[in-house]
Each structure stands twice: as C-alpha cells, then as structure tokens.
Amino acid sequence: MAQLRPRTKLEWAFLGSTATQAIVITFIQVIVLISYLRWVNPPVYQVPLSYITPLSLVVTMLGCIFQVVLTLDALRIKNNIQVVAQCVCNLFISVAVVMQYYQIKGANDHILQGHDMYWNPFAKNDRHFWYHTAASLIVCIVTSCACSVVMCVLAYSLHREFAWALYQDVSSEQKMRNRYLAYQVYLVLMKFTVLFLTCFIIIYDFINVHYMEPEFSLTISIIPAALLHAVLAAYCVRVETAIGMALIMLIHMAEIVYLTSRLIVLCGSGFLSRTALKDQMLLFASVGLSFAIFTFITGAICISNFNKGLKPILRGQVQRKVPANQQADMYYFQRLNHQVPPVPDWALRRFDLD
C-alpha cells in the first residue's frame, strides 16, 4: 500500500512549502473573489471584462492546489524528477501571480468606467474594491515567491535522497536506471502538460472565445479528453503496449498542433489577438507547448525501451531485497504499482529443494 504520509523531515518540509502556498493563496483569493462578486453589478457580465478577475483567481488557485497533489504523488513514488519539475512549475505560477496583480488592477479601472446601454454602471462606485484587495494580492506574490525559493532549496536534498532509493530499489545497472528515468520524465511532463493546457483553455474559452459556438464547446471538451489521455498514457507505457502508445503519440501530436495554432492566433493581427489576459494566455500556452513537445520526445524514447527488462519493475514483479542489517520499515523507494503478484507454487518448491 502506497504511503501518502511523508516519512522524512525533508519530505515534510517540501510538503509544508506547497501546502502553505496553497492554503494562504486560496484563502486570500477566495476572499478577493467574494469581494469582487459583491462589488460588480449584473450588467458587467455582458462583457468578457467581467471574467478577468474571477478567472485569474481561479487559475492561480488551481495551480497551487495541483502543486500539493503533485507533492503527495512525488513523495509516494519517490520521483525526484517530479520534485525538480515542481520547482520549475512553481516559478511559472509565481510569474502568473505577479501578472495577476496588474491584470486585476487594469480590470478594476475599466469596470469603474464601464456601463451598459442604459447607463447602468458595471460596479458599485461607492465601494473601493481595489483599495481593499491590493495589499492581499501583494501578500499572495510574496508567499508564492518565498515558497518557490524554499522548494528549490529543498529539491536538491530530496533529489539526492530519492536517487539513492532509486539505486537501491530499481537496479544498480546504469542502462536500466536510464530507462526508468525516461519513464519517470514522461509521466512528469505529461502531468504538467495537462495542468498548463487546462489553465490556458479555461482563460481562452471564457475570455477570447466567450461562448461562441461550436468552438466554445469543442474547446472546453479538451479538458476531460486530456485527463483521460493522461490516464491511458500512464497505463499504456507501463504495460508496454505498442498499439496503445501509437494512439497516445497521435494525441500528443494533436496537443502540439492545437497549442501551436492558438499561439499563432494570439500573436497574429486578427480579432482574437486583441483580447484581455493575453499575457497569461501566452504564458500558459507557450509553457504547455514546451511540455507537450518534450512529452512527445520522451514518449518516443519510452517506446524504444519496450521489451528491454523494464516492464517487470514497473509492474512490481521485482521485489526489493532488503539487506540483513537493514530494518524492514526503513525509508525506501515505492513504485507506482504496489500490488506484487504472488510467487508461483513451483518457485516455492524449488527453494524448498535448495
């Protein structure tokens, strides 16, 4: 059974940094969101301007909460690559939090000046929304940046700790460890591709597309499809099915083509390029595209490693040999699959004869 609970001080510290970020930022931004909803008037929802503040807050909270989930997952399977990737991801989240401050400020200024065709104001001008929320958003910036620094400091020690566990539990052979490393990198890149793709689609669909059919429905359906794709990819690469991975690689190519097309649209001179939250869209789309390209390359490497001895390790069929002088409950690496198949009867009889 996988252990979701951290087992070392380093693990507790790393989880504490991501959890602190998620708790502080989520708590503050929920309060800011409630304040915003009380400040605006119903006519504001007629224009995409009204979605800037809620979507910016929701996407940031989603990223911070996802970091906690990834931390628990990384500690469960002792994935040092995922720990390093989380540090990189958190730097992008910190950039998004900084961008959020200026985007909400700009949206506040435009809403104060806006009104509908009957001259109904978009917001209650007697309430000073920005005056009460600016300091809170600065606290979010400081918290995210500080947690990013702490995570980067802890990642080095965790990387060494997990690498030693990997050496003990997977294989001492360099080629086998490299194959397992490619597998780890593939899973990690796939998770972050889904994260940045989802963040981009949420903003792009509600701000840029803004309920235009059929693009709105087709675009929003990419999110559950990407989640299903990630689950199937993790299964296919673990059981080493070539047919399944061929389909998975085609979907990876579709992700790359889609994100590339959206970047071309946003960087062009057409109507969809003149949009609010363009900087955040470009950030999430470009980072998501980078992860998608590297995921495709790593997936091809994983396919080339099929039938080379890695499958039994991934499926938990190779049990770790605990040295006689080592306690059974000592910290060690845990694989994704913890249901080790029972040893057949003929093997037991063979050991009895020996």
Protein backbone atom coordinates (compact mmCIF):
# COMPACT_ATOMS: atom_id res chain seq x y z
CA MET A 1 0.00 0.00 0.00
CA ALA A 2 1.42 3.39 -1.00
CA GLN A 3 2.30 5.78 1.80
CA LEU A 4 0.77 9.24 1.20
CA ARG A 5 2.17 10.45 4.51
CA PRO A 6 5.70 11.95 4.33
CA ARG A 7 8.33 9.84 6.06
CA THR A 8 11.32 12.17 6.45
CA LYS A 9 11.88 15.74 7.62
CA LEU A 10 12.78 16.81 4.09
CA GLU A 11 9.52 15.40 2.77
CA TRP A 12 7.53 17.17 5.48
CA ALA A 13 9.32 20.44 4.72
CA PHE A 14 8.67 20.19 0.97
CA LEU A 15 5.01 19.32 1.53
CA GLY A 16 4.78 22.17 4.05
CA SER A 17 6.01 24.69 1.48
CA THR A 18 3.47 23.69 -1.19
CA ALA A 19 0.67 23.34 1.37
CA THR A 20 1.44 26.78 2.87
CA GLN A 21 1.32 28.34 -0.57
CA ALA A 22 -1.97 26.63 -1.41
CA ILE A 23 -3.65 27.49 1.91
CA VAL A 24 -2.56 31.13 2.03
CA ILE A 25 -3.22 31.94 -1.63
CA THR A 26 -6.51 30.03 -1.80
CA PHE A 27 -7.80 31.65 1.40
CA ILE A 28 -6.89 35.16 0.30
CA GLN A 29 -8.12 34.79 -3.25
CA VAL A 30 -11.45 33.32 -2.20
CA ILE A 31 -11.97 36.42 -0.07
CA VAL A 32 -10.96 38.63 -3.01
CA LEU A 33 -13.36 36.75 -5.29
CA ILE A 34 -16.26 37.17 -2.84
CA SER A 35 -15.46 40.87 -2.53
CA TYR A 36 -15.40 41.20 -6.32
CA LEU A 37 -18.77 39.46 -6.77
CA ARG A 38 -20.33 41.83 -4.22
CA TRP A 39 -18.75 44.85 -5.89
CA VAL A 40 -19.88 44.35 -9.50
CA ASN A 41 -23.42 44.83 -10.83
CA PRO A 42 -25.21 42.27 -13.07
CA PRO A 43 -24.73 44.30 -16.32
CA VAL A 44 -20.97 43.68 -16.17
CA TYR A 45 -21.46 40.01 -17.08
CA GLN A 46 -22.46 41.06 -20.60
CA VAL A 47 -18.78 41.66 -21.50
CA PRO A 48 -15.63 39.47 -21.21
CA LEU A 49 -14.16 42.15 -18.93
CA SER A 50 -16.16 40.71 -16.05
CA TYR A 51 -14.33 37.35 -16.28
CA ILE A 52 -10.79 38.71 -15.93
CA THR A 53 -10.68 38.82 -12.13
CA PRO A 54 -12.55 35.53 -11.41
CA LEU A 55 -10.61 33.52 -13.99
CA SER A 56 -7.27 34.94 -12.92
CA LEU A 57 -8.01 34.00 -9.32
CA VAL A 58 -9.39 30.54 -10.14
CA VAL A 59 -6.46 29.57 -12.37
CA THR A 60 -3.93 30.60 -9.72
CA MET A 61 -5.76 28.65 -7.01
CA LEU A 62 -5.96 25.62 -9.33
CA GLY A 63 -2.21 25.72 -9.89
CA CYS A 64 -1.42 25.95 -6.16
CA ILE A 65 -3.79 23.12 -5.20
CA PHE A 66 -2.42 20.98 -8.03
CA GLN A 67 1.07 21.51 -6.61
CA VAL A 68 0.00 19.94 -3.31
CA VAL A 69 -1.48 16.95 -5.12
CA LEU A 70 1.72 16.53 -7.14
CA THR A 71 3.80 16.77 -3.97
CA LEU A 72 1.91 13.92 -2.33
CA ASP A 73 2.26 11.91 -5.54
CA ALA A 74 6.00 12.64 -5.79
CA LEU A 75 6.59 11.61 -2.18
CA ARG A 76 4.51 8.47 -2.67
CA ILE A 77 6.54 7.17 -5.61
CA LYS A 78 9.83 8.91 -4.66
CA ASN A 79 10.01 10.67 -8.04
CA ASN A 80 12.97 13.05 -7.93
CA ILE A 81 12.28 14.27 -11.48
CA GLN A 82 8.81 15.39 -10.44
CA VAL A 83 10.21 17.31 -7.47
CA VAL A 84 12.53 19.27 -9.76
CA ALA A 85 9.74 19.86 -12.29
CA GLN A 86 7.51 21.16 -9.50
CA CYS A 87 10.10 23.81 -8.67
CA VAL A 88 10.13 24.95 -12.30
CA CYS A 89 6.33 24.90 -12.40
CA ASN A 90 6.09 26.94 -9.21
CA LEU A 91 8.30 29.63 -10.74
CA PHE A 92 5.75 29.97 -13.56
CA ILE A 93 2.94 30.09 -11.00
CA SER A 94 4.78 32.91 -9.21
CA VAL A 95 5.05 34.79 -12.51
CA ALA A 96 1.30 34.29 -13.05
CA VAL A 97 0.58 35.64 -9.54
CA VAL A 98 2.62 38.77 -10.32
CA MET A 99 0.81 39.22 -13.64
CA GLN A 100 -2.48 38.73 -11.82
CA TYR A 101 -1.87 41.84 -9.70
CA TYR A 102 -1.63 44.14 -12.72
CA GLN A 103 -4.44 42.41 -14.64
CA ILE A 104 -6.92 42.79 -11.78
CA LYS A 105 -5.86 46.40 -11.32
CA GLY A 106 -6.44 47.12 -15.01
CA ALA A 107 -9.82 45.34 -14.96
CA ASN A 108 -10.80 47.38 -11.89
CA ASP A 109 -10.07 50.65 -13.71
CA HIS A 110 -12.09 49.65 -16.78
CA ILE A 111 -15.05 48.37 -14.76
CA LEU A 112 -15.27 51.65 -12.83
CA GLN A 113 -15.63 53.49 -16.15
CA GLY A 114 -17.97 50.97 -17.79
CA HIS A 115 -21.74 50.89 -18.14
CA ASP A 116 -24.37 49.18 -20.28
CA MET A 117 -26.56 50.74 -22.99
CA TYR A 118 -28.96 52.06 -20.33
CA TRP A 119 -26.10 53.74 -18.43
CA ASN A 120 -26.27 51.27 -15.59
CA PRO A 121 -22.78 51.19 -14.03
CA PHE A 122 -20.80 47.96 -14.07
CA ALA A 123 -19.86 48.28 -10.40
CA LYS A 124 -20.86 49.98 -7.16
CA ASN A 125 -18.66 53.05 -7.29
CA ASP A 126 -19.12 53.77 -3.58
CA ARG A 127 -17.11 50.60 -2.74
CA HIS A 128 -13.36 50.76 -3.16
CA PHE A 129 -12.63 47.20 -4.37
CA TRP A 130 -9.00 47.76 -5.38
CA TYR A 131 -8.16 49.70 -2.24
CA HIS A 132 -9.17 46.73 -0.07
CA THR A 133 -7.64 43.96 -2.24
CA ALA A 134 -4.30 45.37 -3.46
CA ALA A 135 -2.47 44.51 -0.23
CA SER A 136 -3.92 40.98 -0.23
CA LEU A 137 -2.65 40.34 -3.75
CA ILE A 138 0.82 41.55 -2.74
CA VAL A 139 0.77 39.01 0.12
CA CYS A 140 -0.01 36.32 -2.49
CA ILE A 141 3.01 37.43 -4.56
CA VAL A 142 5.35 37.34 -1.56
CA THR A 143 4.02 33.95 -0.42
CA SER A 144 4.36 32.33 -3.84
CA CYS A 145 7.88 33.68 -4.43
CA ALA A 146 9.03 32.66 -0.95
CA CYS A 147 7.62 29.14 -1.34
CA SER A 148 9.33 28.83 -4.73
CA VAL A 149 12.69 29.64 -3.12
CA VAL A 150 12.12 27.13 -0.29
CA MET A 151 11.08 24.42 -2.75
CA CYS A 152 14.21 24.95 -4.86
CA VAL A 153 16.43 24.73 -1.77
CA LEU A 154 14.77 21.53 -0.55
CA ALA A 155 14.66 19.94 -4.01
CA TYR A 156 18.44 19.41 -4.10
CA SER A 157 18.49 17.30 -0.92
CA LEU A 158 15.32 15.44 -1.89
CA HIS A 159 16.82 14.69 -5.29
CA ARG A 160 19.84 13.00 -3.68
CA GLU A 161 17.62 11.10 -1.24
CA PHE A 162 15.30 9.79 -3.93
CA ALA A 163 18.18 8.99 -6.29
CA TRP A 164 19.73 6.71 -3.64
CA ALA A 165 16.38 4.99 -3.08
CA LEU A 166 16.06 4.54 -6.85
CA TYR A 167 19.53 2.98 -6.99
CA GLN A 168 18.61 0.56 -4.18
CA ASP A 169 15.17 -0.48 -5.32
CA VAL A 170 15.17 -0.39 -9.13
CA SER A 171 18.55 -1.51 -10.36
CA SER A 172 22.24 -0.82 -9.96
CA GLU A 173 22.66 -1.15 -13.73
CA GLN A 174 23.06 2.25 -15.40
CA LYS A 175 21.12 1.34 -18.57
CA MET A 176 18.14 0.11 -16.56
CA ARG A 177 18.14 3.23 -14.40
CA ASN A 178 18.24 5.37 -17.54
CA ARG A 179 15.22 3.53 -18.92
CA TYR A 180 13.37 4.05 -15.67
CA LEU A 181 14.43 7.72 -15.71
CA ALA A 182 12.87 8.16 -19.17
CA TYR A 183 9.66 6.60 -17.82
CA GLN A 184 9.64 8.98 -14.85
CA VAL A 185 10.28 12.02 -17.04
CA TYR A 186 7.44 11.00 -19.38
CA LEU A 187 4.92 10.77 -16.55
CA VAL A 188 6.04 14.08 -15.05
CA LEU A 189 5.95 16.02 -18.32
CA MET A 190 2.51 14.61 -19.08
CA LYS A 191 1.10 15.82 -15.76
CA PHE A 192 2.38 19.36 -16.25
CA THR A 193 1.19 19.42 -19.85
CA VAL A 194 -2.33 18.72 -18.61
CA LEU A 195 -2.01 21.47 -15.96
CA PHE A 196 -0.89 24.24 -18.31
CA LEU A 197 -3.22 23.11 -21.09
CA THR A 198 -6.17 23.25 -18.68
CA CYS A 199 -5.20 26.71 -17.37
CA PHE A 200 -4.89 28.02 -20.93
CA ILE A 201 -8.21 26.59 -22.07
CA ILE A 202 -10.11 27.99 -19.07
CA ILE A 203 -8.90 31.54 -19.81
CA TYR A 204 -9.01 31.26 -23.60
CA ASP A 205 -12.51 29.81 -23.72
CA PHE A 206 -14.21 32.30 -21.38
CA ILE A 207 -12.28 35.44 -22.35
CA ASN A 208 -11.39 35.03 -26.00
CA VAL A 209 -13.96 32.61 -27.42
CA HIS A 210 -16.61 33.83 -24.93
CA TYR A 211 -19.38 31.30 -25.61
CA MET A 212 -19.06 31.37 -29.42
CA GLU A 213 -20.31 28.01 -30.64
CA PRO A 214 -19.22 25.46 -31.68
CA GLU A 215 -15.67 26.50 -30.67
CA PHE A 216 -16.59 27.04 -27.02
CA SER A 217 -17.99 23.53 -26.50
CA LEU A 218 -15.27 21.87 -28.55
CA THR A 219 -12.52 23.71 -26.67
CA ILE A 220 -13.91 23.01 -23.20
CA SER A 221 -14.21 19.31 -24.09
CA ILE A 222 -10.41 19.19 -24.48
CA ILE A 223 -10.01 19.28 -20.68
CA PRO A 224 -11.71 15.92 -19.87
CA ALA A 225 -10.16 14.44 -23.01
CA ALA A 226 -6.68 15.50 -21.85
CA LEU A 227 -7.26 13.96 -18.41
CA LEU A 228 -8.42 10.67 -19.96
CA HIS A 229 -5.46 10.76 -22.33
CA ALA A 230 -3.03 11.15 -19.42
CA VAL A 231 -4.53 8.15 -17.58
CA LEU A 232 -4.42 5.95 -20.69
CA ALA A 233 -0.86 7.07 -21.49
CA ALA A 234 0.34 6.14 -18.00
CA TYR A 235 -1.27 2.70 -18.36
CA CYS A 236 -0.03 2.01 -21.90
CA VAL A 237 3.56 2.94 -21.17
CA ARG A 238 3.60 0.80 -18.02
CA VAL A 239 2.25 -2.34 -19.68
CA GLU A 240 4.33 -1.62 -22.82
CA THR A 241 1.59 -1.89 -25.43
CA ALA A 242 2.84 -0.61 -28.79
CA ILE A 243 -0.61 -0.19 -30.37
CA GLY A 244 -1.89 1.83 -27.42
CA MET A 245 1.20 4.03 -27.37
CA ALA A 246 0.83 4.68 -31.11
CA LEU A 247 -2.60 6.17 -30.44
CA ILE A 248 -1.27 8.07 -27.43
CA MET A 249 1.52 9.60 -29.54
CA LEU A 250 -1.02 10.77 -32.13
CA ILE A 251 -2.92 12.59 -29.40
CA HIS A 252 0.34 14.15 -28.18
CA MET A 253 0.83 15.47 -31.72
CA ALA A 254 -2.73 16.84 -31.70
CA GLU A 255 -1.96 18.74 -28.47
CA ILE A 256 1.16 20.23 -30.04
CA VAL A 257 -0.73 21.27 -33.19
CA TYR A 258 -3.59 22.81 -31.18
CA LEU A 259 -1.36 24.87 -28.86
CA THR A 260 0.77 25.99 -31.81
CA SER A 261 -2.32 27.15 -33.68
CA ARG A 262 -3.55 29.12 -30.65
CA LEU A 263 -0.17 30.82 -30.24
CA ILE A 264 -0.26 31.82 -33.92
CA VAL A 265 -3.75 33.25 -33.44
CA LEU A 266 -2.81 35.17 -30.28
CA CYS A 267 0.38 36.56 -31.82
CA GLY A 268 -1.31 37.47 -35.10
CA SER A 269 -3.22 40.58 -36.11
CA GLY A 270 -6.73 39.14 -36.19
CA PHE A 271 -9.71 39.81 -33.94
CA LEU A 272 -8.85 37.06 -31.45
CA SER A 273 -5.38 38.53 -30.88
CA ARG A 274 -6.91 41.67 -29.35
CA THR A 275 -8.02 40.18 -26.06
CA ALA A 276 -7.77 40.64 -22.33
CA LEU A 277 -5.44 38.37 -20.30
CA LYS A 278 -3.35 37.89 -23.43
CA ASP A 279 -0.10 37.75 -21.43
CA GLN A 280 -1.38 34.92 -19.24
CA MET A 281 -2.71 33.04 -22.28
CA LEU A 282 0.68 33.31 -23.97
CA LEU A 283 2.43 32.17 -20.78
CA PHE A 284 0.28 29.08 -20.27
CA ALA A 285 0.12 28.19 -23.98
CA SER A 286 3.88 28.53 -24.56
CA VAL A 287 4.82 26.59 -21.40
CA GLY A 288 2.19 23.95 -22.19
CA LEU A 289 3.53 23.65 -25.75
CA SER A 290 7.09 23.20 -24.45
CA PHE A 291 5.97 20.45 -22.07
CA ALA A 292 3.90 18.81 -24.85
CA ILE A 293 6.90 18.70 -27.24
CA PHE A 294 9.21 17.21 -24.62
CA THR A 295 6.47 14.75 -23.61
CA PHE A 296 6.24 13.55 -27.21
CA ILE A 297 10.03 13.11 -27.44
CA THR A 298 10.22 11.28 -24.11
CA GLY A 299 7.29 9.07 -25.10
CA ALA A 300 9.19 8.01 -28.21
CA ILE A 301 12.19 7.14 -26.03
CA CYS A 302 9.94 5.07 -23.75
CA ILE A 303 8.62 3.15 -26.76
CA SER A 304 12.19 2.38 -27.84
CA ASN A 305 12.77 0.91 -24.35
CA PHE A 306 9.91 -1.59 -24.64
CA ASN A 307 10.81 -5.27 -24.10
CA LYS A 308 14.18 -4.46 -22.53
CA GLY A 309 13.53 -5.61 -18.97
CA LEU A 310 11.78 -2.55 -17.52
CA LYS A 311 8.23 -3.91 -17.55
CA PRO A 312 8.64 -6.29 -14.55
CA ILE A 313 9.99 -3.40 -12.45
CA LEU A 314 7.11 -1.09 -13.43
CA ARG A 315 4.53 -3.77 -12.66
CA GLY A 316 6.03 -4.54 -9.25
CA GLN A 317 7.14 -8.05 -10.18
CA VAL A 318 10.68 -7.44 -8.98
CA GLN A 319 10.78 -7.28 -5.20
CA ARG A 320 13.44 -5.38 -3.37
CA LYS A 321 15.99 -7.45 -1.47
CA VAL A 322 16.38 -5.96 1.98
CA PRO A 323 19.88 -6.42 3.43
CA ALA A 324 20.12 -8.47 6.64
CA ASN A 325 21.39 -5.49 8.64
CA GLN A 326 18.60 -3.14 7.46
CA GLN A 327 15.26 -2.71 9.19
CA ALA A 328 12.20 -3.64 7.19
CA ASP A 329 10.47 -0.32 7.84
CA MET A 330 13.41 1.83 6.67
CA TYR A 331 12.77 4.58 4.14
CA TYR A 332 12.89 3.24 0.59
CA PHE A 333 11.55 3.81 -2.90
CA GLN A 334 7.98 2.85 -3.74
CA ARG A 335 6.83 2.00 -7.23
CA LEU A 336 3.62 3.05 -8.93
CA ASN A 337 2.21 -0.45 -8.76
CA HIS A 338 2.23 -1.84 -5.23
CA GLN A 339 0.24 -5.00 -5.88
CA VAL A 340 3.05 -7.50 -6.25
CA PRO A 341 1.86 -10.72 -7.96
CA PRO A 342 2.10 -13.83 -5.76
CA VAL A 343 5.06 -16.13 -6.25
CA PRO A 344 4.00 -19.31 -8.14
CA ASP A 345 3.98 -22.69 -6.32
CA TRP A 346 6.74 -24.17 -8.47
CA ALA A 347 9.10 -21.42 -7.37
CA LEU A 348 8.38 -22.12 -3.70
CA ARG A 349 9.05 -25.85 -4.19
CA ARG A 350 12.31 -25.03 -5.89
CA PHE A 351 13.50 -23.02 -2.89
CA ASP A 352 12.49 -25.86 -0.58
CA LEU A 353 14.66 -28.26 -2.56
CA ASP A 354 17.61 -25.90 -2.36
